[in-house]
């Protein structure tokens, strides 16, 4: 593989990881918003929890991809 392509891919993945980290942080804040009723709070936390789980899994997947791209870059010669 081309080393420049690998570096570009790794940078792209890290950019996506930063975005996902911001989303996870914001969802954590949203999880704590007060609701008017217990039912609303339950529904809200359930829905936000769904998105939080999604972004946590996406973060793990992107992290693994960064490691794979990095390991491929270690053996490259120009």
PDB file of N, CA and C in Angstrom:
ATOM      1  N   UNK A   1       0.837  -1.189   0.000  1.00  0.00           N
ATOM      2  CA  UNK A   1       0.000   0.000   0.000  1.00  0.00           C
ATOM      3  C   UNK A   1       0.874   1.241   0.000  1.00  0.00           C
ATOM      4  N   UNK A   2       0.351   2.261  -0.551  1.00  0.00           N
ATOM      5  CA  UNK A   2       1.030   3.533  -0.623  1.00  0.00           C
ATOM      6  C   UNK A   2       1.038   4.194   0.760  1.00  0.00           C
ATOM      7  N   UNK A   3       2.204   4.597   1.247  1.00  0.00           N
ATOM      8  CA  UNK A   3       2.345   5.195   2.577  1.00  0.00           C
ATOM      9  C   UNK A   3       1.541   6.485   2.692  1.00  0.00           C
ATOM     10  N   UNK A   4       1.501   7.286   1.639  1.00  0.00           N
ATOM     11  CA  UNK A   4       0.741   8.535   1.674  1.00  0.00           C
ATOM     12  C   UNK A   4      -0.749   8.255   1.835  1.00  0.00           C
ATOM     13  N   UNK A   5      -1.232   7.226   1.145  1.00  0.00           N
ATOM     14  CA  UNK A   5      -2.644   6.862   1.258  1.00  0.00           C
ATOM     15  C   UNK A   5      -2.964   6.411   2.678  1.00  0.00           C
ATOM     16  N   UNK A   6      -2.073   5.630   3.257  1.00  0.00           N
ATOM     17  CA  UNK A   6      -2.282   5.140   4.627  1.00  0.00           C
ATOM     18  C   UNK A   6      -2.309   6.310   5.608  1.00  0.00           C
ATOM     19  N   UNK A   7      -1.388   7.251   5.454  1.00  0.00           N
ATOM     20  CA  UNK A   7      -1.359   8.418   6.336  1.00  0.00           C
ATOM     21  C   UNK A   7      -2.628   9.248   6.191  1.00  0.00           C
ATOM     22  N   UNK A   8      -3.096   9.408   4.965  1.00  0.00           N
ATOM     23  CA  UNK A   8      -4.322  10.167   4.716  1.00  0.00           C
ATOM     24  C   UNK A   8      -5.522   9.456   5.348  1.00  0.00           C
ATOM     25  N   UNK A   9      -5.561   8.157   5.215  1.00  0.00           N
ATOM     26  CA  UNK A   9      -6.641   7.370   5.802  1.00  0.00           C
ATOM     27  C   UNK A   9      -6.608   7.470   7.326  1.00  0.00           C
ATOM     28  N   UNK A  10      -5.423   7.359   7.886  1.00  0.00           N
ATOM     29  CA  UNK A  10      -5.276   7.450   9.339  1.00  0.00           C
ATOM     30  C   UNK A  10      -5.733   8.822   9.840  1.00  0.00           C
ATOM     31  N   UNK A  11      -5.369   9.892   9.132  1.00  0.00           N
ATOM     32  CA  UNK A  11      -5.793  11.240   9.519  1.00  0.00           C
ATOM     33  C   UNK A  11      -7.314  11.377   9.433  1.00  0.00           C
ATOM     34  N   UNK A  12      -7.911  10.807   8.385  1.00  0.00           N
ATOM     35  CA  UNK A  12      -9.361  10.837   8.220  1.00  0.00           C
ATOM     36  C   UNK A  12     -10.050  10.114   9.376  1.00  0.00           C
ATOM     37  N   UNK A  13      -9.529   8.956   9.739  1.00  0.00           N
ATOM     38  CA  UNK A  13     -10.120   8.187  10.832  1.00  0.00           C
ATOM     39  C   UNK A  13     -10.000   8.927  12.156  1.00  0.00           C
ATOM     40  N   UNK A  14      -8.863   9.573  12.388  1.00  0.00           N
ATOM     41  CA  UNK A  14      -8.682  10.332  13.625  1.00  0.00           C
ATOM     42  C   UNK A  14      -9.639  11.523  13.679  1.00  0.00           C
ATOM     43  N   UNK A  15      -9.884  12.130  12.534  1.00  0.00           N
ATOM     44  CA  UNK A  15     -10.844  13.231  12.464  1.00  0.00           C
ATOM     45  C   UNK A  15     -12.244  12.728  12.832  1.00  0.00           C
ATOM     46  N   UNK A  16     -12.602  11.582  12.329  1.00  0.00           N
ATOM     47  CA  UNK A  16     -13.896  10.985  12.653  1.00  0.00           C
ATOM     48  C   UNK A  16     -13.966  10.612  14.133  1.00  0.00           C
ATOM     49  N   UNK A  17     -12.865  10.123  14.675  1.00  0.00           N
ATOM     50  CA  UNK A  17     -12.824   9.796  16.109  1.00  0.00           C
ATOM     51  C   UNK A  17     -13.062  11.032  16.957  1.00  0.00           C
ATOM     52  N   UNK A  18     -12.484  12.155  16.577  1.00  0.00           N
ATOM     53  CA  UNK A  18     -12.705  13.408  17.305  1.00  0.00           C
ATOM     54  C   UNK A  18     -14.177  13.797  17.285  1.00  0.00           C
ATOM     55  N   UNK A  19     -14.798  13.683  16.119  1.00  0.00           N
ATOM     56  CA  UNK A  19     -16.215  13.998  15.988  1.00  0.00           C
ATOM     57  C   UNK A  19     -17.059  13.085  16.890  1.00  0.00           C
ATOM     58  N   UNK A  20     -16.763  11.804  16.860  1.00  0.00           N
ATOM     59  CA  UNK A  20     -17.518  10.838  17.654  1.00  0.00           C
ATOM     60  C   UNK A  20     -17.333  11.118  19.149  1.00  0.00           C
ATOM     61  N   UNK A  21     -16.130  11.478  19.569  1.00  0.00           N
ATOM     62  CA  UNK A  21     -15.886  11.805  20.972  1.00  0.00           C
ATOM     63  C   UNK A  21     -16.728  13.007  21.404  1.00  0.00           C
ATOM     64  N   UNK A  22     -16.858  13.995  20.528  1.00  0.00           N
ATOM     65  CA  UNK A  22     -17.699  15.156  20.837  1.00  0.00           C
ATOM     66  C   UNK A  22     -19.162  14.751  20.948  1.00  0.00           C
ATOM     67  N   UNK A  23     -19.610  13.880  20.070  1.00  0.00           N
ATOM     68  CA  UNK A  23     -21.001  13.414  20.120  1.00  0.00           C
ATOM     69  C   UNK A  23     -21.255  12.655  21.419  1.00  0.00           C
ATOM     70  N   UNK A  24     -20.326  11.801  21.811  1.00  0.00           N
ATOM     71  CA  UNK A  24     -20.485  11.031  23.049  1.00  0.00           C
ATOM     72  C   UNK A  24     -20.561  11.976  24.247  1.00  0.00           C
ATOM     73  N   UNK A  25     -19.701  12.977  24.261  1.00  0.00           N
ATOM     74  CA  UNK A  25     -19.713  13.955  25.348  1.00  0.00           C
ATOM     75  C   UNK A  25     -21.049  14.691  25.407  1.00  0.00           C
ATOM     76  N   UNK A  26     -21.518  15.131  24.259  1.00  0.00           N
ATOM     77  CA  UNK A  26     -22.786  15.866  24.215  1.00  0.00           C
ATOM     78  C   UNK A  26     -23.959  14.976  24.611  1.00  0.00           C
ATOM     79  N   UNK A  27     -23.953  13.743  24.185  1.00  0.00           N
ATOM     80  CA  UNK A  27     -25.029  12.825  24.565  1.00  0.00           C
ATOM     81  C   UNK A  27     -25.033  12.581  26.069  1.00  0.00           C
ATOM     82  N   UNK A  28     -23.854  12.540  26.673  1.00  0.00           N
ATOM     83  CA  UNK A  28     -23.774  12.413  28.131  1.00  0.00           C
ATOM     84  C   UNK A  28     -24.428  13.596  28.818  1.00  0.00           C
ATOM     85  N   UNK A  29     -24.214  14.794  28.271  1.00  0.00           N
ATOM     86  CA  UNK A  29     -24.865  15.988  28.810  1.00  0.00           C
ATOM     87  C   UNK A  29     -26.381  15.916  28.627  1.00  0.00           C
ATOM     88  N   UNK A  30     -26.801  15.502  27.453  1.00  0.00           N
ATOM     89  CA  UNK A  30     -28.233  15.414  27.166  1.00  0.00           C
ATOM     90  C   UNK A  30     -28.932  14.378  28.034  1.00  0.00           C
ATOM     91  N   UNK A  31     -28.213  13.345  28.408  1.00  0.00           N
ATOM     92  CA  UNK A  31     -28.792  12.293  29.250  1.00  0.00           C
ATOM     93  C   UNK A  31     -29.266  12.877  30.589  1.00  0.00           C
ATOM     94  N   UNK A  32     -28.609  13.943  31.032  1.00  0.00           N
ATOM     95  CA  UNK A  32     -28.912  14.522  32.340  1.00  0.00           C
ATOM     96  C   UNK A  32     -29.950  15.636  32.309  1.00  0.00           C
ATOM     97  N   UNK A  33     -30.494  15.958  31.146  1.00  0.00           N
ATOM     98  CA  UNK A  33     -31.501  17.020  31.078  1.00  0.00           C
ATOM     99  C   UNK A  33     -32.725  16.651  31.914  1.00  0.00           C
ATOM    100  N   UNK A  34     -33.224  17.607  32.687  1.00  0.00           N
ATOM    101  CA  UNK A  34     -34.427  17.317  33.476  1.00  0.00           C
ATOM    102  C   UNK A  34     -35.661  17.263  32.566  1.00  0.00           C
ATOM    103  N   UNK A  35     -36.551  16.370  32.863  1.00  0.00           N
ATOM    104  CA  UNK A  35     -37.798  16.217  32.107  1.00  0.00           C
ATOM    105  C   UNK A  35     -38.968  16.533  33.029  1.00  0.00           C
ATOM    106  N   UNK A  36     -40.101  16.822  32.437  1.00  0.00           N
ATOM    107  CA  UNK A  36     -41.279  17.208  33.210  1.00  0.00           C
ATOM    108  C   UNK A  36     -41.948  16.058  33.949  1.00  0.00           C
ATOM    109  N   UNK A  37     -41.822  14.855  33.408  1.00  0.00           N
ATOM    110  CA  UNK A  37     -42.460  13.695  34.052  1.00  0.00           C
ATOM    111  C   UNK A  37     -41.480  12.521  34.063  1.00  0.00           C
ATOM    112  N   UNK A  38     -41.775  11.569  34.889  1.00  0.00           N
ATOM    113  CA  UNK A  38     -40.952  10.359  34.952  1.00  0.00           C
ATOM    114  C   UNK A  38     -41.017   9.585  33.638  1.00  0.00           C
ATOM    115  N   UNK A  39     -42.210   9.554  33.045  1.00  0.00           N
ATOM    116  CA  UNK A  39     -42.363   8.845  31.762  1.00  0.00           C
ATOM    117  C   UNK A  39     -41.515   9.503  30.678  1.00  0.00           C
ATOM    118  N   UNK A  40     -41.537  10.823  30.635  1.00  0.00           N
ATOM    119  CA  UNK A  40     -40.729  11.547  29.647  1.00  0.00           C
ATOM    120  C   UNK A  40     -39.248  11.302  29.891  1.00  0.00           C
ATOM    121  N   UNK A  41     -38.843  11.301  31.149  1.00  0.00           N
ATOM    122  CA  UNK A  41     -37.433  11.058  31.489  1.00  0.00           C
ATOM    123  C   UNK A  41     -37.010   9.658  31.055  1.00  0.00           C
ATOM    124  N   UNK A  42     -37.869   8.695  31.268  1.00  0.00           N
ATOM    125  CA  UNK A  42     -37.564   7.316  30.878  1.00  0.00           C
ATOM    126  C   UNK A  42     -37.414   7.204  29.359  1.00  0.00           C
ATOM    127  N   UNK A  43     -38.370   7.763  28.639  1.00  0.00           N
ATOM    128  CA  UNK A  43     -38.300   7.717  27.176  1.00  0.00           C
ATOM    129  C   UNK A  43     -37.068   8.462  26.653  1.00  0.00           C
ATOM    130  N   UNK A  44     -36.794   9.617  27.230  1.00  0.00           N
ATOM    131  CA  UNK A  44     -35.649  10.429  26.799  1.00  0.00           C
ATOM    132  C   UNK A  44     -34.344   9.670  27.010  1.00  0.00           C
ATOM    133  N   UNK A  45     -34.156   9.135  28.203  1.00  0.00           N
ATOM    134  CA  UNK A  45     -32.909   8.418  28.511  1.00  0.00           C
ATOM    135  C   UNK A  45     -32.769   7.157  27.668  1.00  0.00           C
ATOM    136  N   UNK A  46     -33.884   6.513  27.391  1.00  0.00           N
ATOM    137  CA  UNK A  46     -33.861   5.325  26.537  1.00  0.00           C
ATOM    138  C   UNK A  46     -33.376   5.686  25.127  1.00  0.00           C
ATOM    139  N   UNK A  47     -33.913   6.771  24.572  1.00  0.00           N
ATOM    140  CA  UNK A  47     -33.555   7.185  23.215  1.00  0.00           C
ATOM    141  C   UNK A  47     -32.117   7.700  23.161  1.00  0.00           C
ATOM    142  N   UNK A  48     -31.735   8.530  24.118  1.00  0.00           N
ATOM    143  CA  UNK A  48     -30.366   9.048  24.145  1.00  0.00           C
ATOM    144  C   UNK A  48     -29.386   7.899  24.384  1.00  0.00           C
ATOM    145  N   UNK A  49     -29.776   6.962  25.213  1.00  0.00           N
ATOM    146  CA  UNK A  49     -28.940   5.788  25.471  1.00  0.00           C
ATOM    147  C   UNK A  49     -28.691   4.975  24.208  1.00  0.00           C
ATOM    148  N   UNK A  50     -29.695   4.894  23.348  1.00  0.00           N
ATOM    149  CA  UNK A  50     -29.546   4.192  22.079  1.00  0.00           C
ATOM    150  C   UNK A  50     -28.445   4.841  21.241  1.00  0.00           C
ATOM    151  N   UNK A  51     -28.513   6.173  21.123  1.00  0.00           N
ATOM    152  CA  UNK A  51     -27.502   6.899  20.338  1.00  0.00           C
ATOM    153  C   UNK A  51     -26.130   6.839  20.992  1.00  0.00           C
ATOM    154  N   UNK A  52     -26.110   6.890  22.303  1.00  0.00           N
ATOM    155  CA  UNK A  52     -24.846   6.798  23.023  1.00  0.00           C
ATOM    156  C   UNK A  52     -24.179   5.443  22.763  1.00  0.00           C
ATOM    157  N   UNK A  53     -24.942   4.381  22.819  1.00  0.00           N
ATOM    158  CA  UNK A  53     -24.406   3.050  22.529  1.00  0.00           C
ATOM    159  C   UNK A  53     -23.887   2.968  21.093  1.00  0.00           C
ATOM    160  N   UNK A  54     -24.624   3.553  20.154  1.00  0.00           N
ATOM    161  CA  UNK A  54     -24.199   3.556  18.758  1.00  0.00           C
ATOM    162  C   UNK A  54     -22.841   4.243  18.608  1.00  0.00           C
ATOM    163  N   UNK A  55     -22.716   5.452  19.168  1.00  0.00           N
ATOM    164  CA  UNK A  55     -21.473   6.204  19.009  1.00  0.00           C
ATOM    165  C   UNK A  55     -20.313   5.567  19.769  1.00  0.00           C
ATOM    166  N   UNK A  56     -20.587   4.902  20.878  1.00  0.00           N
ATOM    167  CA  UNK A  56     -19.516   4.191  21.590  1.00  0.00           C
ATOM    168  C   UNK A  56     -18.998   3.022  20.751  1.00  0.00           C
ATOM    169  N   UNK A  57     -19.904   2.308  20.101  1.00  0.00           N
ATOM    170  CA  UNK A  57     -19.489   1.207  19.223  1.00  0.00           C
ATOM    171  C   UNK A  57     -18.736   1.735  18.007  1.00  0.00           C
ATOM    172  N   UNK A  58     -19.202   2.839  17.449  1.00  0.00           N
ATOM    173  CA  UNK A  58     -18.521   3.453  16.319  1.00  0.00           C
ATOM    174  C   UNK A  58     -17.115   3.904  16.719  1.00  0.00           C
ATOM    175  N   UNK A  59     -16.988   4.448  17.914  1.00  0.00           N
ATOM    176  CA  UNK A  59     -15.676   4.874  18.411  1.00  0.00           C
ATOM    177  C   UNK A  59     -14.719   3.684  18.507  1.00  0.00           C
ATOM    178  N   UNK A  60     -15.203   2.583  19.027  1.00  0.00           N
ATOM    179  CA  UNK A  60     -14.366   1.383  19.136  1.00  0.00           C
ATOM    180  C   UNK A  60     -13.944   0.886  17.756  1.00  0.00           C
ATOM    181  N   UNK A  61     -14.869   0.912  16.811  1.00  0.00           N
ATOM    182  CA  UNK A  61     -14.568   0.468  15.448  1.00  0.00           C
ATOM    183  C   UNK A  61     -13.532   1.385  14.794  1.00  0.00           C
ATOM    184  N   UNK A  62     -13.699   2.695  14.951  1.00  0.00           N
ATOM    185  CA  UNK A  62     -12.747   3.640  14.373  1.00  0.00           C
ATOM    186  C   UNK A  62     -11.373   3.508  15.020  1.00  0.00           C
ATOM    187  N   UNK A  63     -11.336   3.295  16.326  1.00  0.00           N
ATOM    188  CA  UNK A  63     -10.059   3.104  17.025  1.00  0.00           C
ATOM    189  C   UNK A  63      -9.321   1.884  16.490  1.00  0.00           C
ATOM    190  N   UNK A  64     -10.072   0.814  16.277  1.00  0.00           N
ATOM    191  CA  UNK A  64      -9.459  -0.396  15.721  1.00  0.00           C
ATOM    192  C   UNK A  64      -8.938  -0.133  14.315  1.00  0.00           C
ATOM    193  N   UNK A  65      -9.669   0.629  13.539  1.00  0.00           N
ATOM    194  CA  UNK A  65      -9.236   0.950  12.178  1.00  0.00           C
ATOM    195  C   UNK A  65      -7.970   1.798  12.180  1.00  0.00           C
ATOM    196  N   UNK A  66      -7.869   2.736  13.125  1.00  0.00           N
ATOM    197  CA  UNK A  66      -6.663   3.561  13.240  1.00  0.00           C
ATOM    198  C   UNK A  66      -5.465   2.676  13.574  1.00  0.00           C
ATOM    199  N   UNK A  67      -5.658   1.720  14.481  1.00  0.00           N
ATOM    200  CA  UNK A  67      -4.564   0.808  14.845  1.00  0.00           C
ATOM    201  C   UNK A  67      -4.139  -0.035  13.649  1.00  0.00           C
ATOM    202  N   UNK A  68      -5.100  -0.507  12.880  1.00  0.00           N
ATOM    203  CA  UNK A  68      -4.774  -1.320  11.708  1.00  0.00           C
ATOM    204  C   UNK A  68      -4.009  -0.484  10.689  1.00  0.00           C
ATOM    205  N   UNK A  69      -4.476   0.722  10.420  1.00  0.00           N
ATOM    206  CA  UNK A  69      -3.802   1.602   9.461  1.00  0.00           C
ATOM    207  C   UNK A  69      -2.380   1.924   9.967  1.00  0.00           C
ATOM    208  N   UNK A  70      -2.258   2.162  11.268  1.00  0.00           N
ATOM    209  CA  UNK A  70      -0.946   2.466  11.851  1.00  0.00           C
ATOM    210  C   UNK A  70       0.001   1.287  11.758  1.00  0.00           C
ATOM    211  N   UNK A  71      -0.508   0.072  11.968  1.00  0.00           N
ATOM    212  CA  UNK A  71       0.361  -1.102  11.898  1.00  0.00           C
ATOM    213  C   UNK A  71       0.814  -1.374  10.468  1.00  0.00           C
ATOM    214  N   UNK A  72      -0.029  -1.063   9.503  1.00  0.00           N
ATOM    215  CA  UNK A  72       0.352  -1.221   8.096  1.00  0.00           C
ATOM    216  C   UNK A  72       1.387  -0.186   7.685  1.00  0.00           C
ATOM    217  N   UNK A  73       1.304   0.974   8.310  1.00  0.00           N
ATOM    218  CA  UNK A  73       2.237   2.050   7.987  1.00  0.00           C
ATOM    219  C   UNK A  73       3.635   1.773   8.552  1.00  0.00           C
ATOM    220  N   UNK A  74       3.730   1.004   9.625  1.00  0.00           N
ATOM    221  CA  UNK A  74       5.025   0.712  10.252  1.00  0.00           C
ATOM    222  C   UNK A  74       5.953  -0.054   9.320  1.00  0.00           C
ATOM    223  N   UNK A  75       5.420  -0.932   8.513  1.00  0.00           N
ATOM    224  CA  UNK A  75       6.251  -1.745   7.632  1.00  0.00           C
ATOM    225  C   UNK A  75       6.513  -1.126   6.277  1.00  0.00           C
ATOM    226  N   UNK A  76       6.007   0.076   6.051  1.00  0.00           N
ATOM    227  CA  UNK A  76       6.154   0.709   4.744  1.00  0.00           C
ATOM    228  C   UNK A  76       7.555   1.296   4.566  1.00  0.00           C
ATOM    229  N   UNK A  77       8.023   1.239   3.343  1.00  0.00           N
ATOM    230  CA  UNK A  77       9.269   1.900   2.969  1.00  0.00           C
ATOM    231  C   UNK A  77       8.993   2.780   1.776  1.00  0.00           C
ATOM    232  N   UNK A  78       9.639   3.912   1.732  1.00  0.00           N
ATOM    233  CA  UNK A  78       9.439   4.837   0.614  1.00  0.00           C
ATOM    234  C   UNK A  78      10.404   4.552  -0.502  1.00  0.00           C
TER     235      UNK A  78
END
